[in-house]
Amino acid sequence: MPARLKPADPAEVRAALARVADGAAEKADLRLLTKHFLALLEAKAPGRSVEVRVPPYAAVQCVPGVRHTRGTPPAVVETDATTWLALATGTLDWQDAVGQGRISASGERADLAPYLPLG
């Protein structure tokens, strides 16, 4: 089970988002923002029925439903950090990302559209 994440300092988030917008983001910015927005998702959609993976930075379990305790969860969402940040900030719509093949989502409750954007 992935560990619970904590949101990052708001000033650090603003600075990292500015670097992303300027095209000057580094891996540390992507890691900070990925973990930050996954932490917000955990808080907004508490549960253990969906595992959201953003390799290589982090993964969380969230969304109410059947509790997952061992092995691969019944629903898995996986995407890259750039796509995750666009979804989390509302610059990319869930359905558009799915249609473009930027998200791998399988299983019941794998549609995260009701929880996005995160902020």
PDB file of N, CA and C in Angstrom:
ATOM      1  N   MET A   1       0.840  -1.170   0.000  1.00  0.00           N
ATOM      2  CA  MET A   1       0.000   0.000   0.000  1.00  0.00           C
ATOM      3  C   MET A   1       0.889   1.239   0.000  1.00  0.00           C
ATOM      4  N   PRO A   2       0.676   2.168  -0.935  1.00  0.00           N
ATOM      5  CA  PRO A   2       1.466   3.391  -0.941  1.00  0.00           C
ATOM      6  C   PRO A   2       1.215   4.215   0.319  1.00  0.00           C
ATOM      7  N   ALA A   3       2.252   4.904   0.760  1.00  0.00           N
ATOM      8  CA  ALA A   3       2.117   5.762   1.945  1.00  0.00           C
ATOM      9  C   ALA A   3       1.279   6.981   1.620  1.00  0.00           C
ATOM     10  N   ARG A   4       0.618   7.516   2.623  1.00  0.00           N
ATOM     11  CA  ARG A   4      -0.149   8.752   2.448  1.00  0.00           C
ATOM     12  C   ARG A   4       0.808   9.900   2.197  1.00  0.00           C
ATOM     13  N   LEU A   5       0.446  10.738   1.250  1.00  0.00           N
ATOM     14  CA  LEU A   5       1.260  11.898   0.913  1.00  0.00           C
ATOM     15  C   LEU A   5       0.715  13.134   1.608  1.00  0.00           C
ATOM     16  N   LYS A   6       1.557  14.152   1.722  1.00  0.00           N
ATOM     17  CA  LYS A   6       1.139  15.414   2.319  1.00  0.00           C
ATOM     18  C   LYS A   6       1.283  16.520   1.278  1.00  0.00           C
ATOM     19  N   PRO A   7       0.322  17.459   1.257  1.00  0.00           N
ATOM     20  CA  PRO A   7       0.454  18.584   0.323  1.00  0.00           C
ATOM     21  C   PRO A   7       1.726  19.376   0.605  1.00  0.00           C
ATOM     22  N   ALA A   8       2.277  19.951  -0.446  1.00  0.00           N
ATOM     23  CA  ALA A   8       3.504  20.739  -0.335  1.00  0.00           C
ATOM     24  C   ALA A   8       3.189  22.152   0.152  1.00  0.00           C
ATOM     25  N   ASP A   9       4.215  22.866   0.539  1.00  0.00           N
ATOM     26  CA  ASP A   9       4.101  24.262   0.949  1.00  0.00           C
ATOM     27  C   ASP A   9       3.541  25.073  -0.224  1.00  0.00           C
ATOM     28  N   PRO A  10       2.508  25.888   0.018  1.00  0.00           N
ATOM     29  CA  PRO A  10       1.890  26.660  -1.075  1.00  0.00           C
ATOM     30  C   PRO A  10       2.875  27.528  -1.861  1.00  0.00           C
ATOM     31  N   ALA A  11       3.850  28.110  -1.206  1.00  0.00           N
ATOM     32  CA  ALA A  11       4.836  28.945  -1.909  1.00  0.00           C
ATOM     33  C   ALA A  11       5.678  28.092  -2.859  1.00  0.00           C
ATOM     34  N   GLU A  12       6.051  26.895  -2.420  1.00  0.00           N
ATOM     35  CA  GLU A  12       6.817  25.996  -3.280  1.00  0.00           C
ATOM     36  C   GLU A  12       5.981  25.545  -4.472  1.00  0.00           C
ATOM     37  N   VAL A  13       4.702  25.297  -4.232  1.00  0.00           N
ATOM     38  CA  VAL A  13       3.801  24.873  -5.309  1.00  0.00           C
ATOM     39  C   VAL A  13       3.678  25.993  -6.345  1.00  0.00           C
ATOM     40  N   ARG A  14       3.451  27.220  -5.904  1.00  0.00           N
ATOM     41  CA  ARG A  14       3.337  28.356  -6.831  1.00  0.00           C
ATOM     42  C   ARG A  14       4.606  28.518  -7.661  1.00  0.00           C
ATOM     43  N   ALA A  15       5.752  28.423  -7.011  1.00  0.00           N
ATOM     44  CA  ALA A  15       7.023  28.587  -7.724  1.00  0.00           C
ATOM     45  C   ALA A  15       7.219  27.467  -8.748  1.00  0.00           C
ATOM     46  N   ALA A  16       6.920  26.241  -8.359  1.00  0.00           N
ATOM     47  CA  ALA A  16       7.079  25.116  -9.280  1.00  0.00           C
ATOM     48  C   ALA A  16       6.094  25.222 -10.441  1.00  0.00           C
ATOM     49  N   LEU A  17       4.858  25.630 -10.167  1.00  0.00           N
ATOM     50  CA  LEU A  17       3.872  25.804 -11.241  1.00  0.00           C
ATOM     51  C   LEU A  17       4.308  26.899 -12.212  1.00  0.00           C
ATOM     52  N   ALA A  18       4.922  27.946 -11.693  1.00  0.00           N
ATOM     53  CA  ALA A  18       5.428  29.019 -12.559  1.00  0.00           C
ATOM     54  C   ALA A  18       6.525  28.498 -13.473  1.00  0.00           C
ATOM     55  N   ARG A  19       7.413  27.661 -12.941  1.00  0.00           N
ATOM     56  CA  ARG A  19       8.475  27.089 -13.771  1.00  0.00           C
ATOM     57  C   ARG A  19       7.893  26.151 -14.823  1.00  0.00           C
ATOM     58  N   VAL A  20       6.872  25.389 -14.461  1.00  0.00           N
ATOM     59  CA  VAL A  20       6.207  24.520 -15.444  1.00  0.00           C
ATOM     60  C   VAL A  20       5.603  25.374 -16.554  1.00  0.00           C
ATOM     61  N   ALA A  21       4.906  26.439 -16.195  1.00  0.00           N
ATOM     62  CA  ALA A  21       4.272  27.317 -17.181  1.00  0.00           C
ATOM     63  C   ALA A  21       5.296  27.970 -18.103  1.00  0.00           C
ATOM     64  N   ASP A  22       6.482  28.261 -17.567  1.00  0.00           N
ATOM     65  CA  ASP A  22       7.545  28.889 -18.357  1.00  0.00           C
ATOM     66  C   ASP A  22       8.350  27.882 -19.172  1.00  0.00           C
ATOM     67  N   GLY A  23       8.060  26.593 -19.000  1.00  0.00           N
ATOM     68  CA  GLY A  23       8.826  25.567 -19.698  1.00  0.00           C
ATOM     69  C   GLY A  23      10.193  25.340 -19.090  1.00  0.00           C
ATOM     70  N   ALA A  24      10.380  25.775 -17.850  1.00  0.00           N
ATOM     71  CA  ALA A  24      11.678  25.652 -17.183  1.00  0.00           C
ATOM     72  C   ALA A  24      11.641  24.664 -16.015  1.00  0.00           C
ATOM     73  N   ALA A  25      10.650  23.795 -15.987  1.00  0.00           N
ATOM     74  CA  ALA A  25      10.517  22.847 -14.871  1.00  0.00           C
ATOM     75  C   ALA A  25      11.630  21.810 -14.894  1.00  0.00           C
ATOM     76  N   GLU A  26      12.065  21.461 -13.709  1.00  0.00           N
ATOM     77  CA  GLU A  26      13.056  20.398 -13.548  1.00  0.00           C
ATOM     78  C   GLU A  26      12.370  19.183 -12.925  1.00  0.00           C
ATOM     79  N   LYS A  27      13.083  18.082 -12.849  1.00  0.00           N
ATOM     80  CA  LYS A  27      12.503  16.866 -12.260  1.00  0.00           C
ATOM     81  C   LYS A  27      12.016  17.102 -10.837  1.00  0.00           C
ATOM     82  N   ALA A  28      12.740  17.911 -10.085  1.00  0.00           N
ATOM     83  CA  ALA A  28      12.331  18.196  -8.702  1.00  0.00           C
ATOM     84  C   ALA A  28      10.983  18.904  -8.667  1.00  0.00           C
ATOM     85  N   ASP A  29      10.727  19.782  -9.636  1.00  0.00           N
ATOM     86  CA  ASP A  29       9.430  20.461  -9.714  1.00  0.00           C
ATOM     87  C   ASP A  29       8.326  19.462 -10.023  1.00  0.00           C
ATOM     88  N   LEU A  30       8.576  18.582 -10.983  1.00  0.00           N
ATOM     89  CA  LEU A  30       7.573  17.571 -11.339  1.00  0.00           C
ATOM     90  C   LEU A  30       7.281  16.646 -10.167  1.00  0.00           C
ATOM     91  N   ARG A  31       8.314  16.259  -9.443  1.00  0.00           N
ATOM     92  CA  ARG A  31       8.135  15.387  -8.281  1.00  0.00           C
ATOM     93  C   ARG A  31       7.303  16.093  -7.203  1.00  0.00           C
ATOM     94  N   LEU A  32       7.669  17.330  -6.882  1.00  0.00           N
ATOM     95  CA  LEU A  32       6.951  18.084  -5.864  1.00  0.00           C
ATOM     96  C   LEU A  32       5.482  18.249  -6.249  1.00  0.00           C
ATOM     97  N   LEU A  33       5.210  18.670  -7.470  1.00  0.00           N
ATOM     98  CA  LEU A  33       3.835  18.906  -7.903  1.00  0.00           C
ATOM     99  C   LEU A  33       3.033  17.621  -8.019  1.00  0.00           C
ATOM    100  N   THR A  34       3.663  16.567  -8.518  1.00  0.00           N
ATOM    101  CA  THR A  34       2.973  15.281  -8.628  1.00  0.00           C
ATOM    102  C   THR A  34       2.523  14.804  -7.253  1.00  0.00           C
ATOM    103  N   LYS A  35       3.437  14.809  -6.299  1.00  0.00           N
ATOM    104  CA  LYS A  35       3.093  14.365  -4.948  1.00  0.00           C
ATOM    105  C   LYS A  35       2.070  15.285  -4.295  1.00  0.00           C
ATOM    106  N   HIS A  36       2.211  16.581  -4.525  1.00  0.00           N
ATOM    107  CA  HIS A  36       1.267  17.546  -3.960  1.00  0.00           C
ATOM    108  C   HIS A  36      -0.147  17.264  -4.458  1.00  0.00           C
ATOM    109  N   PHE A  37      -0.314  17.148  -5.765  1.00  0.00           N
ATOM    110  CA  PHE A  37      -1.654  16.959  -6.311  1.00  0.00           C
ATOM    111  C   PHE A  37      -2.207  15.560  -6.023  1.00  0.00           C
ATOM    112  N   LEU A  38      -1.339  14.562  -5.905  1.00  0.00           N
ATOM    113  CA  LEU A  38      -1.825  13.242  -5.475  1.00  0.00           C
ATOM    114  C   LEU A  38      -2.309  13.298  -4.028  1.00  0.00           C
ATOM    115  N   ALA A  39      -1.628  14.079  -3.198  1.00  0.00           N
ATOM    116  CA  ALA A  39      -2.079  14.249  -1.806  1.00  0.00           C
ATOM    117  C   ALA A  39      -3.449  14.920  -1.769  1.00  0.00           C
ATOM    118  N   LEU A  40      -3.660  15.921  -2.618  1.00  0.00           N
ATOM    119  CA  LEU A  40      -4.964  16.575  -2.682  1.00  0.00           C
ATOM    120  C   LEU A  40      -6.045  15.605  -3.163  1.00  0.00           C
ATOM    121  N   LEU A  41      -5.696  14.739  -4.102  1.00  0.00           N
ATOM    122  CA  LEU A  41      -6.649  13.734  -4.581  1.00  0.00           C
ATOM    123  C   LEU A  41      -7.019  12.769  -3.459  1.00  0.00           C
ATOM    124  N   GLU A  42      -6.027  12.323  -2.685  1.00  0.00           N
ATOM    125  CA  GLU A  42      -6.307  11.439  -1.547  1.00  0.00           C
ATOM    126  C   GLU A  42      -7.297  12.084  -0.585  1.00  0.00           C
ATOM    127  N   ALA A  43      -7.123  13.374  -0.349  1.00  0.00           N
ATOM    128  CA  ALA A  43      -8.009  14.077   0.583  1.00  0.00           C
ATOM    129  C   ALA A  43      -9.406  14.275   0.000  1.00  0.00           C
ATOM    130  N   LYS A  44      -9.478  14.534  -1.290  1.00  0.00           N
ATOM    131  CA  LYS A  44     -10.760  14.790  -1.948  1.00  0.00           C
ATOM    132  C   LYS A  44     -11.550  13.503  -2.196  1.00  0.00           C
ATOM    133  N   ALA A  45     -10.847  12.406  -2.413  1.00  0.00           N
ATOM    134  CA  ALA A  45     -11.491  11.129  -2.729  1.00  0.00           C
ATOM    135  C   ALA A  45     -10.921  10.028  -1.847  1.00  0.00           C
ATOM    136  N   PRO A  46     -11.171  10.099  -0.525  1.00  0.00           N
ATOM    137  CA  PRO A  46     -10.588   9.091   0.364  1.00  0.00           C
ATOM    138  C   PRO A  46     -11.146   7.696   0.062  1.00  0.00           C
ATOM    139  N   GLY A  47     -10.289   6.728   0.152  1.00  0.00           N
ATOM    140  CA  GLY A  47     -10.687   5.348  -0.097  1.00  0.00           C
ATOM    141  C   GLY A  47      -9.495   4.540  -0.569  1.00  0.00           C
ATOM    142  N   ARG A  48      -9.768   3.318  -0.998  1.00  0.00           N
ATOM    143  CA  ARG A  48      -8.685   2.423  -1.422  1.00  0.00           C
ATOM    144  C   ARG A  48      -9.058   1.594  -2.645  1.00  0.00           C
ATOM    145  N   SER A  49     -10.037   2.037  -3.429  1.00  0.00           N
ATOM    146  CA  SER A  49     -10.479   1.185  -4.540  1.00  0.00           C
ATOM    147  C   SER A  49      -9.771   1.479  -5.859  1.00  0.00           C
ATOM    148  N   VAL A  50      -9.051   2.596  -5.953  1.00  0.00           N
ATOM    149  CA  VAL A  50      -8.332   2.942  -7.177  1.00  0.00           C
ATOM    150  C   VAL A  50      -6.901   3.306  -6.819  1.00  0.00           C
ATOM    151  N   GLU A  51      -5.962   2.750  -7.557  1.00  0.00           N
ATOM    152  CA  GLU A  51      -4.570   3.159  -7.381  1.00  0.00           C
ATOM    153  C   GLU A  51      -4.210   4.080  -8.535  1.00  0.00           C
ATOM    154  N   VAL A  52      -3.741   5.279  -8.217  1.00  0.00           N
ATOM    155  CA  VAL A  52      -3.324   6.251  -9.218  1.00  0.00           C
ATOM    156  C   VAL A  52      -1.802   6.278  -9.199  1.00  0.00           C
ATOM    157  N   ARG A  53      -1.222   5.977 -10.349  1.00  0.00           N
ATOM    158  CA  ARG A  53       0.234   5.885 -10.467  1.00  0.00           C
ATOM    159  C   ARG A  53       0.750   6.955 -11.423  1.00  0.00           C
ATOM    160  N   VAL A  54       1.770   7.671 -10.970  1.00  0.00           N
ATOM    161  CA  VAL A  54       2.449   8.653 -11.806  1.00  0.00           C
ATOM    162  C   VAL A  54       3.943   8.356 -11.695  1.00  0.00           C
ATOM    163  N   PRO A  55       4.389   7.350 -12.456  1.00  0.00           N
ATOM    164  CA  PRO A  55       5.792   6.975 -12.348  1.00  0.00           C
ATOM    165  C   PRO A  55       6.708   8.040 -12.958  1.00  0.00           C
ATOM    166  N   PRO A  56       7.887   8.209 -12.418  1.00  0.00           N
ATOM    167  CA  PRO A  56       8.487   7.470 -11.315  1.00  0.00           C
ATOM    168  C   PRO A  56       8.275   8.152  -9.968  1.00  0.00           C
ATOM    169  N   TYR A  57       7.337   9.090  -9.887  1.00  0.00           N
ATOM    170  CA  TYR A  57       7.253   9.963  -8.722  1.00  0.00           C
ATOM    171  C   TYR A  57       6.436   9.441  -7.555  1.00  0.00           C
ATOM    172  N   ALA A  58       5.258   8.906  -7.796  1.00  0.00           N
ATOM    173  CA  ALA A  58       4.422   8.501  -6.662  1.00  0.00           C
ATOM    174  C   ALA A  58       3.201   7.722  -7.137  1.00  0.00           C
ATOM    175  N   ALA A  59       2.550   7.092  -6.171  1.00  0.00           N
ATOM    176  CA  ALA A  59       1.277   6.400  -6.390  1.00  0.00           C
ATOM    177  C   ALA A  59       0.465   6.522  -5.109  1.00  0.00           C
ATOM    178  N   VAL A  60      -0.848   6.614  -5.266  1.00  0.00           N
ATOM    179  CA  VAL A  60      -1.745   6.669  -4.109  1.00  0.00           C
ATOM    180  C   VAL A  60      -2.950   5.785  -4.369  1.00  0.00           C
ATOM    181  N   GLN A  61      -3.580   5.385  -3.283  1.00  0.00           N
ATOM    182  CA  GLN A  61      -4.860   4.696  -3.370  1.00  0.00           C
ATOM    183  C   GLN A  61      -5.926   5.649  -2.870  1.00  0.00           C
ATOM    184  N   CYS A  62      -7.028   5.713  -3.604  1.00  0.00           N
ATOM    185  CA  CYS A  62      -8.081   6.658  -3.288  1.00  0.00           C
ATOM    186  C   CYS A  62      -9.409   6.147  -3.833  1.00  0.00           C
ATOM    187  N   VAL A  63     -10.430   6.924  -3.725  1.00  0.00           N
ATOM    188  CA  VAL A  63     -11.795   6.700  -4.211  1.00  0.00           C
ATOM    189  C   VAL A  63     -12.516   5.666  -3.340  1.00  0.00           C
ATOM    190  N   PRO A  64     -13.672   6.046  -2.831  1.00  0.00           N
ATOM    191  CA  PRO A  64     -14.458   5.126  -2.011  1.00  0.00           C
ATOM    192  C   PRO A  64     -14.877   3.894  -2.808  1.00  0.00           C
ATOM    193  N   GLY A  65     -15.030   2.804  -2.107  1.00  0.00           N
ATOM    194  CA  GLY A  65     -15.462   1.558  -2.742  1.00  0.00           C
ATOM    195  C   GLY A  65     -14.823   0.363  -2.073  1.00  0.00           C
ATOM    196  N   VAL A  66     -14.739  -0.714  -2.825  1.00  0.00           N
ATOM    197  CA  VAL A  66     -14.165  -1.952  -2.322  1.00  0.00           C
ATOM    198  C   VAL A  66     -12.738  -1.691  -1.865  1.00  0.00           C
ATOM    199  N   ARG A  67     -12.456  -2.059  -0.633  1.00  0.00           N
ATOM    200  CA  ARG A  67     -11.124  -1.836  -0.080  1.00  0.00           C
ATOM    201  C   ARG A  67     -10.132  -2.818  -0.674  1.00  0.00           C
ATOM    202  N   HIS A  68      -9.012  -2.285  -1.118  1.00  0.00           N
ATOM    203  CA  HIS A  68      -7.945  -3.102  -1.691  1.00  0.00           C
ATOM    204  C   HIS A  68      -6.902  -3.371  -0.608  1.00  0.00           C
ATOM    205  N   THR A  69      -6.509  -4.636  -0.437  1.00  0.00           N
ATOM    206  CA  THR A  69      -5.536  -4.947   0.610  1.00  0.00           C
ATOM    207  C   THR A  69      -4.280  -5.654   0.118  1.00  0.00           C
ATOM    208  N   ARG A  70      -4.317  -6.272  -1.056  1.00  0.00           N
ATOM    209  CA  ARG A  70      -3.169  -7.065  -1.479  1.00  0.00           C
ATOM    210  C   ARG A  70      -3.118  -7.181  -2.995  1.00  0.00           C
ATOM    211  N   GLY A  71      -1.911  -7.128  -3.557  1.00  0.00           N
ATOM    212  CA  GLY A  71      -1.758  -7.285  -5.001  1.00  0.00           C
ATOM    213  C   GLY A  71      -2.233  -6.055  -5.761  1.00  0.00           C
ATOM    214  N   THR A  72      -2.557  -6.271  -7.020  1.00  0.00           N
ATOM    215  CA  THR A  72      -3.021  -5.178  -7.870  1.00  0.00           C
ATOM    216  C   THR A  72      -4.441  -4.799  -7.492  1.00  0.00           C
ATOM    217  N   PRO A  73      -4.711  -3.505  -7.300  1.00  0.00           N
ATOM    218  CA  PRO A  73      -6.062  -3.076  -6.937  1.00  0.00           C
ATOM    219  C   PRO A  73      -7.060  -3.328  -8.068  1.00  0.00           C
ATOM    220  N   PRO A  74      -8.359  -3.306  -7.760  1.00  0.00           N
ATOM    221  CA  PRO A  74      -9.370  -3.572  -8.778  1.00  0.00           C
ATOM    222  C   PRO A  74      -9.434  -2.501  -9.860  1.00  0.00           C
ATOM    223  N   ALA A  75      -8.910  -1.324  -9.597  1.00  0.00           N
ATOM    224  CA  ALA A  75      -8.875  -0.253 -10.594  1.00  0.00           C
ATOM    225  C   ALA A  75      -7.526   0.445 -10.515  1.00  0.00           C
ATOM    226  N   VAL A  76      -6.950   0.724 -11.689  1.00  0.00           N
ATOM    227  CA  VAL A  76      -5.641   1.364 -11.754  1.00  0.00           C
ATOM    228  C   VAL A  76      -5.696   2.472 -12.799  1.00  0.00           C
ATOM    229  N   VAL A  77      -5.153   3.624 -12.438  1.00  0.00           N
ATOM    230  CA  VAL A  77      -4.987   4.742 -13.357  1.00  0.00           C
ATOM    231  C   VAL A  77      -3.499   5.038 -13.393  1.00  0.00           C
ATOM    232  N   GLU A  78      -2.951   5.151 -14.606  1.00  0.00           N
ATOM    233  CA  GLU A  78      -1.540   5.481 -14.721  1.00  0.00           C
ATOM    234  C   GLU A  78      -1.354   6.519 -15.812  1.00  0.00           C
ATOM    235  N   THR A  79      -0.494   7.493 -15.525  1.00  0.00           N
ATOM    236  CA  THR A  79      -0.187   8.542 -16.490  1.00  0.00           C
ATOM    237  C   THR A  79       1.180   9.122 -16.179  1.00  0.00           C
ATOM    238  N   ASP A  80       1.657   9.968 -17.068  1.00  0.00           N
ATOM    239  CA  ASP A  80       2.935  10.642 -16.840  1.00  0.00           C
ATOM    240  C   ASP A  80       2.710  11.918 -16.030  1.00  0.00           C
ATOM    241  N   ALA A  81       3.785  12.471 -15.523  1.00  0.00           N
ATOM    242  CA  ALA A  81       3.691  13.640 -14.649  1.00  0.00           C
ATOM    243  C   ALA A  81       3.102  14.853 -15.359  1.00  0.00           C
ATOM    244  N   THR A  82       3.476  15.095 -16.593  1.00  0.00           N
ATOM    245  CA  THR A  82       2.970  16.256 -17.319  1.00  0.00           C
ATOM    246  C   THR A  82       1.459  16.175 -17.490  1.00  0.00           C
ATOM    247  N   THR A  83       0.965  15.006 -17.853  1.00  0.00           N
ATOM    248  CA  THR A  83      -0.477  14.818 -18.005  1.00  0.00           C
ATOM    249  C   THR A  83      -1.168  14.957 -16.658  1.00  0.00           C
ATOM    250  N   TRP A  84      -0.607  14.368 -15.606  1.00  0.00           N
ATOM    251  CA  TRP A  84      -1.210  14.459 -14.279  1.00  0.00           C
ATOM    252  C   TRP A  84      -1.332  15.915 -13.833  1.00  0.00           C
ATOM    253  N   LEU A  85      -0.283  16.697 -14.040  1.00  0.00           N
ATOM    254  CA  LEU A  85      -0.326  18.099 -13.631  1.00  0.00           C
ATOM    255  C   LEU A  85      -1.372  18.874 -14.433  1.00  0.00           C
ATOM    256  N   ALA A  86      -1.492  18.581 -15.711  1.00  0.00           N
ATOM    257  CA  ALA A  86      -2.505  19.248 -16.537  1.00  0.00           C
ATOM    258  C   ALA A  86      -3.913  18.887 -16.071  1.00  0.00           C
ATOM    259  N   LEU A  87      -4.123  17.633 -15.718  1.00  0.00           N
ATOM    260  CA  LEU A  87      -5.430  17.209 -15.193  1.00  0.00           C
ATOM    261  C   LEU A  87      -5.717  17.876 -13.854  1.00  0.00           C
ATOM    262  N   ALA A  88      -4.725  17.861 -12.984  1.00  0.00           N
ATOM    263  CA  ALA A  88      -4.902  18.386 -11.626  1.00  0.00           C
ATOM    264  C   ALA A  88      -5.176  19.886 -11.620  1.00  0.00           C
ATOM    265  N   THR A  89      -4.586  20.608 -12.557  1.00  0.00           N
ATOM    266  CA  THR A  89      -4.756  22.054 -12.592  1.00  0.00           C
ATOM    267  C   THR A  89      -5.894  22.501 -13.503  1.00  0.00           C
ATOM    268  N   GLY A  90      -6.496  21.560 -14.217  1.00  0.00           N
ATOM    269  CA  GLY A  90      -7.635  21.893 -15.064  1.00  0.00           C
ATOM    270  C   GLY A  90      -7.287  22.372 -16.456  1.00  0.00           C
ATOM    271  N   THR A  91      -6.039  22.246 -16.859  1.00  0.00           N
ATOM    272  CA  THR A  91      -5.677  22.639 -18.225  1.00  0.00           C
ATOM    273  C   THR A  91      -5.910  21.517 -19.224  1.00  0.00           C
ATOM    274  N   LEU A  92      -6.260  20.338 -18.731  1.00  0.00           N
ATOM    275  CA  LEU A  92      -6.600  19.190 -19.568  1.00  0.00           C
ATOM    276  C   LEU A  92      -7.805  18.493 -18.966  1.00  0.00           C
ATOM    277  N   ASP A  93      -8.775  18.193 -19.777  1.00  0.00           N
ATOM    278  CA  ASP A  93      -9.984  17.490 -19.362  1.00  0.00           C
ATOM    279  C   ASP A  93      -9.729  15.981 -19.353  1.00  0.00           C
ATOM    280  N   TRP A  94     -10.335  15.292 -18.390  1.00  0.00           N
ATOM    281  CA  TRP A  94     -10.164  13.848 -18.251  1.00  0.00           C
ATOM    282  C   TRP A  94     -10.514  13.110 -19.549  1.00  0.00           C
ATOM    283  N   GLN A  95     -11.683  13.416 -20.107  1.00  0.00           N
ATOM    284  CA  GLN A  95     -12.125  12.711 -21.320  1.00  0.00           C
ATOM    285  C   GLN A  95     -11.177  12.970 -22.490  1.00  0.00           C
ATOM    286  N   ASP A  96     -10.670  14.183 -22.617  1.00  0.00           N
ATOM    287  CA  ASP A  96      -9.702  14.488 -23.670  1.00  0.00           C
ATOM    288  C   ASP A  96      -8.421  13.677 -23.477  1.00  0.00           C
ATOM    289  N   ALA A  97      -7.947  13.603 -22.247  1.00  0.00           N
ATOM    290  CA  ALA A  97      -6.723  12.845 -21.964  1.00  0.00           C
ATOM    291  C   ALA A  97      -6.907  11.368 -22.271  1.00  0.00           C
ATOM    292  N   VAL A  98      -8.064  10.823 -21.913  1.00  0.00           N
ATOM    293  CA  VAL A  98      -8.353   9.416 -22.227  1.00  0.00           C
ATOM    294  C   VAL A  98      -8.400   9.230 -23.738  1.00  0.00           C
ATOM    295  N   GLY A  99      -9.100  10.125 -24.425  1.00  0.00           N
ATOM    296  CA  GLY A  99      -9.234  10.037 -25.877  1.00  0.00           C
ATOM    297  C   GLY A  99      -7.909  10.144 -26.600  1.00  0.00           C
ATOM    298  N   GLN A 100      -6.983  10.896 -26.042  1.00  0.00           N
ATOM    299  CA  GLN A 100      -5.659  11.066 -26.643  1.00  0.00           C
ATOM    300  C   GLN A 100      -4.696   9.953 -26.252  1.00  0.00           C
ATOM    301  N   GLY A 101      -5.146   9.020 -25.421  1.00  0.00           N
ATOM    302  CA  GLY A 101      -4.286   7.923 -24.991  1.00  0.00           C
ATOM    303  C   GLY A 101      -3.222   8.336 -23.989  1.00  0.00           C
ATOM    304  N   ARG A 102      -3.455   9.425 -23.289  1.00  0.00           N
ATOM    305  CA  ARG A 102      -2.468   9.910 -22.319  1.00  0.00           C
ATOM    306  C   ARG A 102      -2.661   9.311 -20.936  1.00  0.00           C
ATOM    307  N   ILE A 103      -3.740   8.546 -20.772  1.00  0.00           N
ATOM    308  CA  ILE A 103      -4.052   7.899 -19.500  1.00  0.00           C
ATOM    309  C   ILE A 103      -4.347   6.430 -19.768  1.00  0.00           C
ATOM    310  N   SER A 104      -3.845   5.585 -18.899  1.00  0.00           N
ATOM    311  CA  SER A 104      -4.237   4.179 -18.886  1.00  0.00           C
ATOM    312  C   SER A 104      -5.135   4.010 -17.667  1.00  0.00           C
ATOM    313  N   ALA A 105      -6.401   3.684 -17.907  1.00  0.00           N
ATOM    314  CA  ALA A 105      -7.357   3.550 -16.803  1.00  0.00           C
ATOM    315  C   ALA A 105      -8.137   2.259 -16.994  1.00  0.00           C
ATOM    316  N   SER A 106      -8.103   1.420 -15.959  1.00  0.00           N
ATOM    317  CA  SER A 106      -8.825   0.158 -16.057  1.00  0.00           C
ATOM    318  C   SER A 106      -9.529  -0.137 -14.742  1.00  0.00           C
ATOM    319  N   GLY A 107     -10.644  -0.826 -14.849  1.00  0.00           N
ATOM    320  CA  GLY A 107     -11.359  -1.247 -13.659  1.00  0.00           C
ATOM    321  C   GLY A 107     -12.471  -0.301 -13.268  1.00  0.00           C
ATOM    322  N   GLU A 108     -13.292  -0.809 -12.379  1.00  0.00           N
ATOM    323  CA  GLU A 108     -14.416  -0.041 -11.858  1.00  0.00           C
ATOM    324  C   GLU A 108     -13.911   1.165 -11.073  1.00  0.00           C
ATOM    325  N   ARG A 109     -14.565   2.278 -11.210  1.00  0.00           N
ATOM    326  CA  ARG A 109     -14.258   3.534 -10.505  1.00  0.00           C
ATOM    327  C   ARG A 109     -12.976   4.214 -10.991  1.00  0.00           C
ATOM    328  N   ALA A 110     -12.449   3.812 -12.144  1.00  0.00           N
ATOM    329  CA  ALA A 110     -11.185   4.388 -12.627  1.00  0.00           C
ATOM    330  C   ALA A 110     -11.373   5.757 -13.272  1.00  0.00           C
ATOM    331  N   ASP A 111     -12.596   6.223 -13.412  1.00  0.00           N
ATOM    332  CA  ASP A 111     -12.842   7.544 -13.986  1.00  0.00           C
ATOM    333  C   ASP A 111     -12.675   8.596 -12.885  1.00  0.00           C
ATOM    334  N   LEU A 112     -11.628   9.385 -12.977  1.00  0.00           N
ATOM    335  CA  LEU A 112     -11.350  10.399 -11.946  1.00  0.00           C
ATOM    336  C   LEU A 112     -11.957  11.760 -12.265  1.00  0.00           C
ATOM    337  N   ALA A 113     -12.701  11.869 -13.358  1.00  0.00           N
ATOM    338  CA  ALA A 113     -13.284  13.152 -13.770  1.00  0.00           C
ATOM    339  C   ALA A 113     -14.050  13.862 -12.658  1.00  0.00           C
ATOM    340  N   PRO A 114     -14.831  13.140 -11.815  1.00  0.00           N
ATOM    341  CA  PRO A 114     -15.571  13.842 -10.763  1.00  0.00           C
ATOM    342  C   PRO A 114     -14.681  14.527  -9.719  1.00  0.00           C
ATOM    343  N   TYR A 115     -13.424  14.154  -9.655  1.00  0.00           N
ATOM    344  CA  TYR A 115     -12.524  14.691  -8.630  1.00  0.00           C
ATOM    345  C   TYR A 115     -11.565  15.756  -9.169  1.00  0.00           C
ATOM    346  N   LEU A 116     -11.586  15.976 -10.471  1.00  0.00           N
ATOM    347  CA  LEU A 116     -10.642  16.895 -11.108  1.00  0.00           C
ATOM    348  C   LEU A 116     -11.354  18.126 -11.630  1.00  0.00           C
ATOM    349  N   PRO A 117     -10.705  19.283 -11.672  1.00  0.00           N
ATOM    350  CA  PRO A 117      -9.340  19.558 -11.241  1.00  0.00           C
ATOM    351  C   PRO A 117      -9.236  19.657  -9.718  1.00  0.00           C
ATOM    352  N   LEU A 118      -7.995  19.697  -9.269  1.00  0.00           N
ATOM    353  CA  LEU A 118      -7.728  19.695  -7.824  1.00  0.00           C
ATOM    354  C   LEU A 118      -7.348  21.061  -7.282  1.00  0.00           C
ATOM    355  N   GLY A 119      -6.960  21.967  -8.106  1.00  0.00           N
ATOM    356  CA  GLY A 119      -6.636  23.285  -7.578  1.00  0.00           C
ATOM    357  C   GLY A 119      -5.678  24.039  -8.367  1.00  0.00           C
TER     358      GLY A 119
END
